[in-house]
C-alpha atoms as a PDB file:
ATOM      1  CA  MET A   1     198.802 101.710 131.250  1.00  0.00           C
ATOM      2  CA  LYS A   2     195.299 103.847 130.426  1.00  0.00           C
ATOM      3  CA  LEU A   3     192.355 103.135 132.053  1.00  0.00           C
ATOM      4  CA  ALA A   4     188.418 104.678 130.548  1.00  0.00           C
ATOM      5  CA  THR A   5     184.622 104.134 131.434  1.00  0.00           C
ATOM      6  CA  PHE A   6     182.856 105.759 129.104  1.00  0.00           C
ATOM      7  CA  ASN A   7     178.686 105.067 129.245  1.00  0.00           C
ATOM      8  CA  ILE A   8     178.056 105.657 125.436  1.00  0.00           C
ATOM      9  CA  ASN A   9     174.685 105.414 125.261  1.00  0.00           C
ATOM     10  CA  GLY A  10     174.003 103.461 122.624  1.00  0.00           C
ATOM     11  CA  ILE A  11     177.710 101.987 120.594  1.00  0.00           C
ATOM     12  CA  ASN A  12     175.672 101.230 117.020  1.00  0.00           C
ATOM     13  CA  GLY A  13     174.324 104.270 116.754  1.00  0.00           C
ATOM     14  CA  ARG A  14     177.582 106.901 118.312  1.00  0.00           C
ATOM     15  CA  LEU A  15     180.364 104.151 116.665  1.00  0.00           C
ATOM     16  CA  ALA A  16     181.605 107.405 114.463  1.00  0.00           C
ATOM     17  CA  ASN A  17     182.229 109.163 118.126  1.00  0.00           C
ATOM     18  CA  LEU A  18     183.796 106.015 119.214  1.00  0.00           C
ATOM     19  CA  LEU A  19     186.087 105.234 117.439  1.00  0.00           C
ATOM     20  CA  ARG A  20     187.226 109.091 117.074  1.00  0.00           C
ATOM     21  CA  TRP A  21     187.793 108.565 120.463  1.00  0.00           C
ATOM     22  CA  LEU A  22     188.963 105.875 120.566  1.00  0.00           C
ATOM     23  CA  GLU A  23     192.220 107.346 118.442  1.00  0.00           C
ATOM     24  CA  GLU A  24     192.266 110.485 119.519  1.00  0.00           C
ATOM     25  CA  ALA A  25     193.018 108.880 123.535  1.00  0.00           C
ATOM     26  CA  GLN A  26     194.578 105.897 122.784  1.00  0.00           C
ATOM     27  CA  PRO A  27     193.185 103.884 125.602  1.00  0.00           C
ATOM     28  CA  ASP A  28     194.554 101.039 126.819  1.00  0.00           C
ATOM     29  CA  VAL A  29     191.916  99.422 128.216  1.00  0.00           C
ATOM     30  CA  VAL A  30     188.305 101.292 127.846  1.00  0.00           C
ATOM     31  CA  CYS A  31     185.266  99.954 129.976  1.00  0.00           C
ATOM     32  CA  LEU A  32     181.666 100.403 128.100  1.00  0.00           C
ATOM     33  CA  GLN A  33     178.259 101.291 129.620  1.00  0.00           C
ATOM     34  CA  GLU A  34     174.596 101.276 127.434  1.00  0.00           C
ATOM     35  CA  THR A  35     175.689  99.691 125.098  1.00  0.00           C
ATOM     36  CA  LYS A  36     172.035  98.942 124.320  1.00  0.00           C
ATOM     37  CA  VAL A  37     172.576  95.604 121.489  1.00  0.00           C
ATOM     38  CA  ILE A  38     172.350  92.330 121.666  1.00  0.00           C
ATOM     39  CA  ASP A  39     175.653  90.150 121.575  1.00  0.00           C
ATOM     40  CA  GLU A  40     175.526  89.505 118.077  1.00  0.00           C
ATOM     41  CA  ARG A  41     174.989  92.854 116.651  1.00  0.00           C
ATOM     42  CA  PHE A  42     177.967  94.973 118.717  1.00  0.00           C
ATOM     43  CA  PRO A  43     180.562  96.049 116.627  1.00  0.00           C
ATOM     44  CA  PHE A  44     183.283  93.805 116.914  1.00  0.00           C
ATOM     45  CA  GLU A  45     185.028  94.139 113.523  1.00  0.00           C
ATOM     46  CA  ALA A  46     184.766  97.985 113.172  1.00  0.00           C
ATOM     47  CA  LEU A  47     186.386  98.045 116.684  1.00  0.00           C
ATOM     48  CA  GLU A  48     189.118  95.310 115.692  1.00  0.00           C
ATOM     49  CA  ARG A  49     189.942  97.118 112.615  1.00  0.00           C
ATOM     50  CA  ALA A  50     190.137  99.947 115.979  1.00  0.00           C
ATOM     51  CA  GLY A  51     192.899  97.697 117.411  1.00  0.00           C
ATOM     52  CA  TYR A  52     190.954  96.510 119.973  1.00  0.00           C
ATOM     53  CA  GLY A  53     189.792  92.968 121.126  1.00  0.00           C
ATOM     54  CA  ALA A  54     186.393  93.177 122.608  1.00  0.00           C
ATOM     55  CA  VAL A  55     184.547  90.830 125.291  1.00  0.00           C
ATOM     56  CA  ALA A  56     180.874  92.632 125.501  1.00  0.00           C
ATOM     57  CA  ARG A  57     178.106  91.770 127.088  1.00  0.00           C
ATOM     58  CA  GLY A  58     174.345  92.817 126.159  1.00  0.00           C
ATOM     59  CA  GLN A  59     171.076  93.030 125.693  1.00  0.00           C
ATOM     60  CA  LYS A  60     168.546  94.505 122.625  1.00  0.00           C
ATOM     61  CA  SER A  61     167.300  97.798 123.920  1.00  0.00           C
ATOM     62  CA  HIS A  62     168.735  98.594 127.695  1.00  0.00           C
ATOM     63  CA  HIS A  63     171.214  97.945 129.289  1.00  0.00           C
ATOM     64  CA  GLY A  64     174.811  96.126 128.457  1.00  0.00           C
ATOM     65  CA  VAL A  65     178.487  96.226 129.080  1.00  0.00           C
ATOM     66  CA  ALA A  66     181.466  95.923 127.062  1.00  0.00           C
ATOM     67  CA  LEU A  67     185.021  96.079 128.234  1.00  0.00           C
ATOM     68  CA  LEU A  68     187.947  96.751 124.816  1.00  0.00           C
ATOM     69  CA  ALA A  69     192.051  96.775 124.489  1.00  0.00           C
ATOM     70  CA  ARG A  70     194.185  97.779 122.869  1.00  0.00           C
ATOM     71  CA  GLY A  71     195.940  94.814 121.241  1.00  0.00           C
ATOM     72  CA  ALA A  72     195.093  92.828 123.382  1.00  0.00           C
ATOM     73  CA  GLU A  73     191.323  90.126 123.827  1.00  0.00           C
ATOM     74  CA  PRO A  74     190.750  91.065 127.055  1.00  0.00           C
ATOM     75  CA  VAL A  75     190.197  87.280 129.209  1.00  0.00           C
ATOM     76  CA  VAL A  76     187.010  87.811 130.614  1.00  0.00           C
ATOM     77  CA  THR A  77     186.163  85.940 134.483  1.00  0.00           C
ATOM     78  CA  ARG A  78     182.768  86.854 134.700  1.00  0.00           C
ATOM     79  CA  ARG A  79     179.953  88.878 132.122  1.00  0.00           C
ATOM     80  CA  ARG A  80     177.432  88.209 135.369  1.00  0.00           C
ATOM     81  CA  LEU A  81     177.580  89.808 138.925  1.00  0.00           C
ATOM     82  CA  PRO A  82     177.934  87.232 140.991  1.00  0.00           C
ATOM     83  CA  GLY A  83     174.754  86.804 143.648  1.00  0.00           C
ATOM     84  CA  ASP A  84     171.585  86.599 142.206  1.00  0.00           C
ATOM     85  CA  ALA A  85     170.754  83.854 139.521  1.00  0.00           C
ATOM     86  CA  SER A  86     167.777  86.022 137.968  1.00  0.00           C
ATOM     87  CA  ASP A  87     170.021  88.503 137.487  1.00  0.00           C
ATOM     88  CA  ALA A  88     169.532  89.474 134.480  1.00  0.00           C
ATOM     89  CA  GLU A  89     170.166  92.520 133.121  1.00  0.00           C
ATOM     90  CA  ALA A  90     173.643  93.231 131.501  1.00  0.00           C
ATOM     91  CA  ARG A  91     175.419  95.256 134.109  1.00  0.00           C
ATOM     92  CA  TYR A  92     178.424  94.138 134.864  1.00  0.00           C
ATOM     93  CA  ILE A  93     181.964  92.156 132.726  1.00  0.00           C
ATOM     94  CA  GLU A  94     184.971  91.202 134.129  1.00  0.00           C
ATOM     95  CA  ALA A  95     188.063  90.664 132.273  1.00  0.00           C
ATOM     96  CA  ALA A  96     192.174  90.364 132.745  1.00  0.00           C
ATOM     97  CA  VAL A  97     194.136  92.577 130.591  1.00  0.00           C
ATOM     98  CA  ALA A  98     198.074  92.827 131.490  1.00  0.00           C
ATOM     99  CA  GLY A  99     197.886  91.484 134.240  1.00  0.00           C
ATOM    100  CA  VAL A 100     194.883  93.960 135.698  1.00  0.00           C
ATOM    101  CA  LEU A 101     191.354  92.965 136.342  1.00  0.00           C
ATOM    102  CA  VAL A 102     189.601  94.471 135.836  1.00  0.00           C
ATOM    103  CA  GLY A 103     185.873  95.122 136.239  1.00  0.00           C
ATOM    104  CA  CYS A 104     183.461  96.990 134.196  1.00  0.00           C
ATOM    105  CA  LEU A 105     179.564  97.786 135.541  1.00  0.00           C
ATOM    106  CA  TYR A 106     176.956  99.324 135.557  1.00  0.00           C
ATOM    107  CA  LEU A 107     174.723 100.180 138.562  1.00  0.00           C
ATOM    108  CA  PRO A 108     171.351 100.341 137.940  1.00  0.00           C
ATOM    109  CA  ASN A 109     169.566 103.986 138.250  1.00  0.00           C
ATOM    110  CA  GLY A 110     166.946 104.106 140.747  1.00  0.00           C
ATOM    111  CA  ASN A 111     164.703 106.644 139.443  1.00  0.00           C
ATOM    112  CA  PRO A 112     162.505 106.800 140.562  1.00  0.00           C
ATOM    113  CA  TRP A 113     162.474 106.556 143.958  1.00  0.00           C
ATOM    114  CA  PRO A 114     161.840 105.131 146.759  1.00  0.00           C
ATOM    115  CA  GLY A 115     159.462 101.903 144.316  1.00  0.00           C
ATOM    116  CA  PRO A 116     160.740  98.703 143.106  1.00  0.00           C
ATOM    117  CA  ARG A 117     163.811 100.164 141.179  1.00  0.00           C
ATOM    118  CA  PHE A 118     165.689 101.914 143.707  1.00  0.00           C
ATOM    119  CA  ASP A 119     165.205  98.332 146.758  1.00  0.00           C
ATOM    120  CA  TYR A 120     167.265  96.626 142.887  1.00  0.00           C
ATOM    121  CA  LYS A 121     169.720  99.307 142.685  1.00  0.00           C
ATOM    122  CA  GLN A 122     170.727  99.466 146.368  1.00  0.00           C
ATOM    123  CA  ALA A 123     170.354  94.964 146.189  1.00  0.00           C
ATOM    124  CA  TRP A 124     173.070  95.195 143.218  1.00  0.00           C
ATOM    125  CA  PHE A 125     175.271  97.386 145.580  1.00  0.00           C
ATOM    126  CA  GLU A 126     174.895  95.105 148.001  1.00  0.00           C
ATOM    127  CA  ARG A 127     175.637  92.099 145.808  1.00  0.00           C
ATOM    128  CA  PHE A 128     179.015  94.951 144.607  1.00  0.00           C
ATOM    129  CA  ASN A 129     179.849  95.532 147.924  1.00  0.00           C
ATOM    130  CA  ALA A 130     180.606  91.680 148.698  1.00  0.00           C
ATOM    131  CA  HIS A 131     182.137  90.981 145.475  1.00  0.00           C
ATOM    132  CA  ALA A 132     184.316  93.267 145.731  1.00  0.00           C
ATOM    133  CA  ALA A 133     185.580  92.930 149.366  1.00  0.00           C
ATOM    134  CA  ALA A 134     186.345  89.036 147.690  1.00  0.00           C
ATOM    135  CA  LEU A 135     188.241  90.929 144.219  1.00  0.00           C
ATOM    136  CA  LEU A 136     190.318  93.201 147.061  1.00  0.00           C
ATOM    137  CA  ALA A 137     190.893  89.935 149.413  1.00  0.00           C
ATOM    138  CA  SER A 138     191.950  88.401 146.313  1.00  0.00           C
ATOM    139  CA  GLY A 139     195.360  90.191 146.030  1.00  0.00           C
ATOM    140  CA  HIS A 140     195.251  90.691 141.564  1.00  0.00           C
ATOM    141  CA  PRO A 141     195.084  93.803 141.018  1.00  0.00           C
ATOM    142  CA  VAL A 142     192.598  95.527 140.155  1.00  0.00           C
ATOM    143  CA  ALA A 143     190.061  98.156 138.857  1.00  0.00           C
ATOM    144  CA  LEU A 144     186.490  98.699 138.908  1.00  0.00           C
ATOM    145  CA  ALA A 145     185.346 101.460 136.835  1.00  0.00           C
ATOM    146  CA  GLY A 146     181.978 102.494 135.248  1.00  0.00           C
ATOM    147  CA  ASP A 147     178.911 104.026 135.976  1.00  0.00           C
ATOM    148  CA  TYR A 148     177.914 103.240 139.193  1.00  0.00           C
ATOM    149  CA  ASN A 149     175.172 106.001 139.145  1.00  0.00           C
ATOM    150  CA  VAL A 150     175.540 106.962 142.343  1.00  0.00           C
ATOM    151  CA  VAL A 151     177.130 111.224 143.116  1.00  0.00           C
ATOM    152  CA  PRO A 152     178.860 110.474 146.439  1.00  0.00           C
ATOM    153  CA  THR A 153     178.680 114.018 147.690  1.00  0.00           C
ATOM    154  CA  ASP A 154     176.644 117.421 147.051  1.00  0.00           C
ATOM    155  CA  ALA A 155     180.834 118.541 146.251  1.00  0.00           C
ATOM    156  CA  ASP A 156     179.108 115.908 142.801  1.00  0.00           C
ATOM    157  CA  ILE A 157     176.279 118.035 141.390  1.00  0.00           C
ATOM    158  CA  TYR A 158     177.137 121.145 140.100  1.00  0.00           C
ATOM    159  CA  ASN A 159     173.631 121.687 142.461  1.00  0.00           C
ATOM    160  CA  PRO A 160     172.642 119.185 144.921  1.00  0.00           C
ATOM    161  CA  ALA A 161     168.772 121.772 146.315  1.00  0.00           C
ATOM    162  CA  SER A 162     167.011 120.374 142.596  1.00  0.00           C
ATOM    163  CA  TRP A 163     167.586 116.652 142.495  1.00  0.00           C
ATOM    164  CA  ARG A 164     166.662 115.942 146.261  1.00  0.00           C
ATOM    165  CA  THR A 165     164.521 112.887 145.180  1.00  0.00           C
ATOM    166  CA  ASN A 166     166.911 111.350 142.387  1.00  0.00           C
ATOM    167  CA  ALA A 167     167.737 108.739 143.514  1.00  0.00           C
ATOM    168  CA  LEU A 168     171.532 109.391 142.718  1.00  0.00           C
ATOM    169  CA  LEU A 169     171.524 111.439 145.691  1.00  0.00           C
ATOM    170  CA  GLN A 170     169.496 109.007 147.844  1.00  0.00           C
ATOM    171  CA  PRO A 171     171.806 107.894 151.479  1.00  0.00           C
ATOM    172  CA  GLU A 172     171.904 104.501 151.151  1.00  0.00           C
ATOM    173  CA  PRO A 173     173.435 104.471 147.728  1.00  0.00           C
ATOM    174  CA  ARG A 174     175.605 107.141 149.437  1.00  0.00           C
ATOM    175  CA  ALA A 175     176.572 104.792 151.903  1.00  0.00           C
ATOM    176  CA  SER A 176     177.003 101.569 149.322  1.00  0.00           C
ATOM    177  CA  TYR A 177     179.435 104.280 148.334  1.00  0.00           C
ATOM    178  CA  ALA A 178     181.747 104.748 151.360  1.00  0.00           C
ATOM    179  CA  GLU A 179     181.235 101.343 151.945  1.00  0.00           C
ATOM    180  CA  LEU A 180     183.588 100.501 149.030  1.00  0.00           C
ATOM    181  CA  LEU A 181     186.049 103.107 150.443  1.00  0.00           C
ATOM    182  CA  ALA A 182     186.557 101.946 153.520  1.00  0.00           C
ATOM    183  CA  GLN A 183     187.117  98.312 151.650  1.00  0.00           C
ATOM    184  CA  GLY A 184     190.523  99.825 150.277  1.00  0.00           C
ATOM    185  CA  TRP A 185     189.856 101.175 147.016  1.00  0.00           C
ATOM    186  CA  THR A 186     190.693 104.432 146.033  1.00  0.00           C
ATOM    187  CA  ASP A 187     188.907 107.028 143.568  1.00  0.00           C
ATOM    188  CA  ALA A 188     191.228 108.320 141.165  1.00  0.00           C
ATOM    189  CA  LEU A 189     189.386 111.230 139.888  1.00  0.00           C
ATOM    190  CA  ALA A 190     188.283 112.219 143.928  1.00  0.00           C
ATOM    191  CA  THR A 191     192.402 111.796 144.661  1.00  0.00           C
ATOM    192  CA  LEU A 192     193.532 113.036 141.449  1.00  0.00           C
ATOM    193  CA  TYR A 193     191.832 115.999 141.572  1.00  0.00           C
ATOM    194  CA  PRO A 194     190.910 117.403 145.840  1.00  0.00           C
ATOM    195  CA  GLY A 195     188.751 120.142 146.111  1.00  0.00           C
ATOM    196  CA  ARG A 196     187.987 120.234 142.216  1.00  0.00           C
ATOM    197  CA  PRO A 197     185.027 117.595 141.403  1.00  0.00           C
ATOM    198  CA  GLN A 198     184.876 116.535 137.635  1.00  0.00           C
ATOM    199  CA  TRP A 199     181.671 116.221 135.549  1.00  0.00           C
ATOM    200  CA  THR A 200     181.133 112.954 133.529  1.00  0.00           C
ATOM    201  CA  PHE A 201     176.888 113.879 133.310  1.00  0.00           C
ATOM    202  CA  TRP A 202     174.532 115.937 132.160  1.00  0.00           C
ATOM    203  CA  THR A 203     172.102 116.131 131.302  1.00  0.00           C
ATOM    204  CA  ASN A 204     170.488 117.000 127.432  1.00  0.00           C
ATOM    205  CA  ILE A 205     167.478 118.732 129.642  1.00  0.00           C
ATOM    206  CA  ARG A 206     167.996 122.724 130.788  1.00  0.00           C
ATOM    207  CA  GLN A 207     171.290 123.234 128.461  1.00  0.00           C
ATOM    208  CA  ARG A 208     172.732 121.413 130.695  1.00  0.00           C
ATOM    209  CA  TRP A 209     175.694 121.086 128.658  1.00  0.00           C
ATOM    210  CA  ALA A 210     175.911 124.627 127.165  1.00  0.00           C
ATOM    211  CA  ASN A 211     176.376 125.924 131.220  1.00  0.00           C
ATOM    212  CA  ASP A 212     178.394 123.259 132.320  1.00  0.00           C
ATOM    213  CA  LYS A 213     175.544 122.639 134.938  1.00  0.00           C
ATOM    214  CA  GLY A 214     176.808 118.243 135.796  1.00  0.00           C
ATOM    215  CA  MET A 215     178.249 115.828 138.734  1.00  0.00           C
ATOM    216  CA  ARG A 216     180.197 112.657 138.688  1.00  0.00           C
ATOM    217  CA  ILE A 217     178.707 109.787 138.773  1.00  0.00           C
ATOM    218  CA  ASP A 218     181.185 107.627 136.698  1.00  0.00           C
ATOM    219  CA  HIS A 219     184.236 106.968 138.510  1.00  0.00           C
ATOM    220  CA  ILE A 220     187.007 104.596 138.748  1.00  0.00           C
ATOM    221  CA  LEU A 221     188.108 103.210 141.359  1.00  0.00           C
ATOM    222  CA  LEU A 222     191.086 101.249 141.950  1.00  0.00           C
ATOM    223  CA  SER A 223     193.337  98.113 144.655  1.00  0.00           C
ATOM    224  CA  PRO A 224     195.676 100.045 146.789  1.00  0.00           C
ATOM    225  CA  ASP A 225     199.072  98.601 144.984  1.00  0.00           C
ATOM    226  CA  LEU A 226     197.182 100.418 141.079  1.00  0.00           C
ATOM    227  CA  ALA A 227     196.301 103.048 143.201  1.00  0.00           C
ATOM    228  CA  GLU A 228     199.618 103.927 144.832  1.00  0.00           C
ATOM    229  CA  ARG A 229     200.880 104.026 140.888  1.00  0.00           C
ATOM    230  CA  LEU A 230     198.292 106.171 140.027  1.00  0.00           C
ATOM    231  CA  LYS A 231     200.208 109.499 138.459  1.00  0.00           C
ATOM    232  CA  ALA A 232     197.572 111.289 135.964  1.00  0.00           C
ATOM    233  CA  GLY A 233     193.436 111.086 135.522  1.00  0.00           C
ATOM    234  CA  GLY A 234     190.602 113.749 134.162  1.00  0.00           C
ATOM    235  CA  VAL A 235     187.715 114.086 131.703  1.00  0.00           C
ATOM    236  CA  ASP A 236     187.604 114.373 128.114  1.00  0.00           C
ATOM    237  CA  ARG A 237     185.534 116.787 127.647  1.00  0.00           C
ATOM    238  CA  GLU A 238     185.007 116.546 123.800  1.00  0.00           C
ATOM    239  CA  PRO A 239     183.605 114.267 122.667  1.00  0.00           C
ATOM    240  CA  ARG A 240     180.237 114.885 125.040  1.00  0.00           C
ATOM    241  CA  GLY A 241     179.598 118.276 122.587  1.00  0.00           C
ATOM    242  CA  GLU A 242     179.760 115.901 119.733  1.00  0.00           C
ATOM    243  CA  PRO A 243     176.834 115.959 117.708  1.00  0.00           C
ATOM    244  CA  GLY A 244     174.719 113.402 118.882  1.00  0.00           C
ATOM    245  CA  ALA A 245     177.622 113.115 121.833  1.00  0.00           C
ATOM    246  CA  SER A 246     176.214 110.712 124.732  1.00  0.00           C
ATOM    247  CA  ASP A 247     175.016 112.428 127.921  1.00  0.00           C
ATOM    248  CA  HIS A 248     178.428 110.403 129.701  1.00  0.00           C
ATOM    249  CA  ALA A 249     182.184 111.725 128.764  1.00  0.00           C
ATOM    250  CA  PRO A 250     184.736 109.309 128.815  1.00  0.00           C
ATOM    251  CA  VAL A 251     186.290 109.453 132.438  1.00  0.00           C
ATOM    252  CA  TRP A 252     190.548 108.163 132.030  1.00  0.00           C
ATOM    253  CA  VAL A 253     193.978 107.336 134.951  1.00  0.00           C
ATOM    254  CA  ALA A 254     197.106 106.548 133.968  1.00  0.00           C
ATOM    255  CA  VAL A 255     198.946 103.132 135.921  1.00  0.00           C
ATOM    256  CA  ASN A 256     202.309 102.630 136.059  1.00  0.00           C
ATOM    257  CA  LEU A 257     202.503  98.640 135.502  1.00  0.00           C
ATOM    258  CA  ARG A 258     205.431  96.800 136.592  1.00  0.00           C
ATOM    259  CA  SER A 259     206.646  94.289 134.621  1.00  0.00           C
ATOM    260  CA  PRO A 260     206.203  91.177 136.536  1.00  0.00           C
ATOM    261  CA  SER A 261     208.452  88.777 137.627  1.00  0.00           C
ATOM    262  CA  PRO A 262     207.494  85.126 136.059  1.00  0.00           C
ATOM    263  CA  SER A 263     206.761  84.077 139.422  1.00  0.00           C
ATOM    264  CA  SER A 264     203.814  87.041 139.476  1.00  0.00           C
ATOM    265  CA  ARG A 265     203.496  85.898 136.201  1.00  0.00           C
ATOM    266  CA  LYS A 266     202.010  82.385 137.310  1.00  0.00           C
ATOM    267  CA  ALA A 267     200.542  83.984 140.862  1.00  0.00           C
ATOM    268  CA  ALA A 268     198.119  86.116 138.527  1.00  0.00           C
ATOM    269  CA  LYS A 269     196.953  83.515 135.687  1.00  0.00           C
ATOM    270  CA  ARG A 270     196.259  81.258 139.149  1.00  0.00           C
ATOM    271  CA  ALA A 271     194.426  83.984 140.897  1.00  0.00           C
ATOM    272  CA  VAL A 272     192.669  85.047 137.521  1.00  0.00           C
ATOM    273  CA  ARG A 273     191.635  81.476 136.848  1.00  0.00           C
ATOM    274  CA  ASP A 274     189.874  80.848 140.822  1.00  0.00           C
ATOM    275  CA  LEU A 275     188.400  84.346 140.682  1.00  0.00           C
ATOM    276  CA  GLY A 276     186.793  82.203 137.380  1.00  0.00           C
ATOM    277  CA  ARG A 277     185.653  79.836 138.759  1.00  0.00           C
ATOM    278  CA  ALA A 278     184.674  81.395 142.876  1.00  0.00           C
END
């Protein structure tokens, strides 16, 4: 399975870019963030013509997440992050594809720091970590992919000094990310490229893309059974250089999936059903 995450930053305005990348990269599963469109205007038909089934949770002009599967329909287990029924922002969707449970997330940016948006970021992160722990305890193969809006270490950004007052580098979200890894999740790109951080985001100001001054904020975390089958991964930089591109680049990993036995398929279905009720 080739699984990818891509902050598209407005799916309808960048649909041509997305479709071109899908045709070239041929990912099996794609997590999208910042679709910025209500569900009624999501391009389901265009994606279907490209060979992808899709599920989405949208929001007008802001946020929005979606999950695509090549030649299949994702089986939705969640359309929002549990823990706060009053949270109306479209930032999480979860579905099963080919025996793998995939959580697609768009973690709050948190700027300006300090302030209410940063407090919301940390509250959301706390809820996410609690849900991640429950997913891990389920024993089901799980991938958590998306725009985490956290630079895990100073090595994951071209120049941390100029970003010290930004929410992405604050100690609290970094600690929350470290807590995720301590649960037993594997940061796929960090594992594949030790000591060689792969940028996934370049701001549009001050020629940061042209000068390759980026940072790593889009991550794919794998449960232990998927992590041991991790074979490859990387960042597709070409879409970032296209006209009208998103300020993020797609991130992908490839894992070898075992052919499930009938008993394991039944167990997987039970796990998905139970997680959907949780």
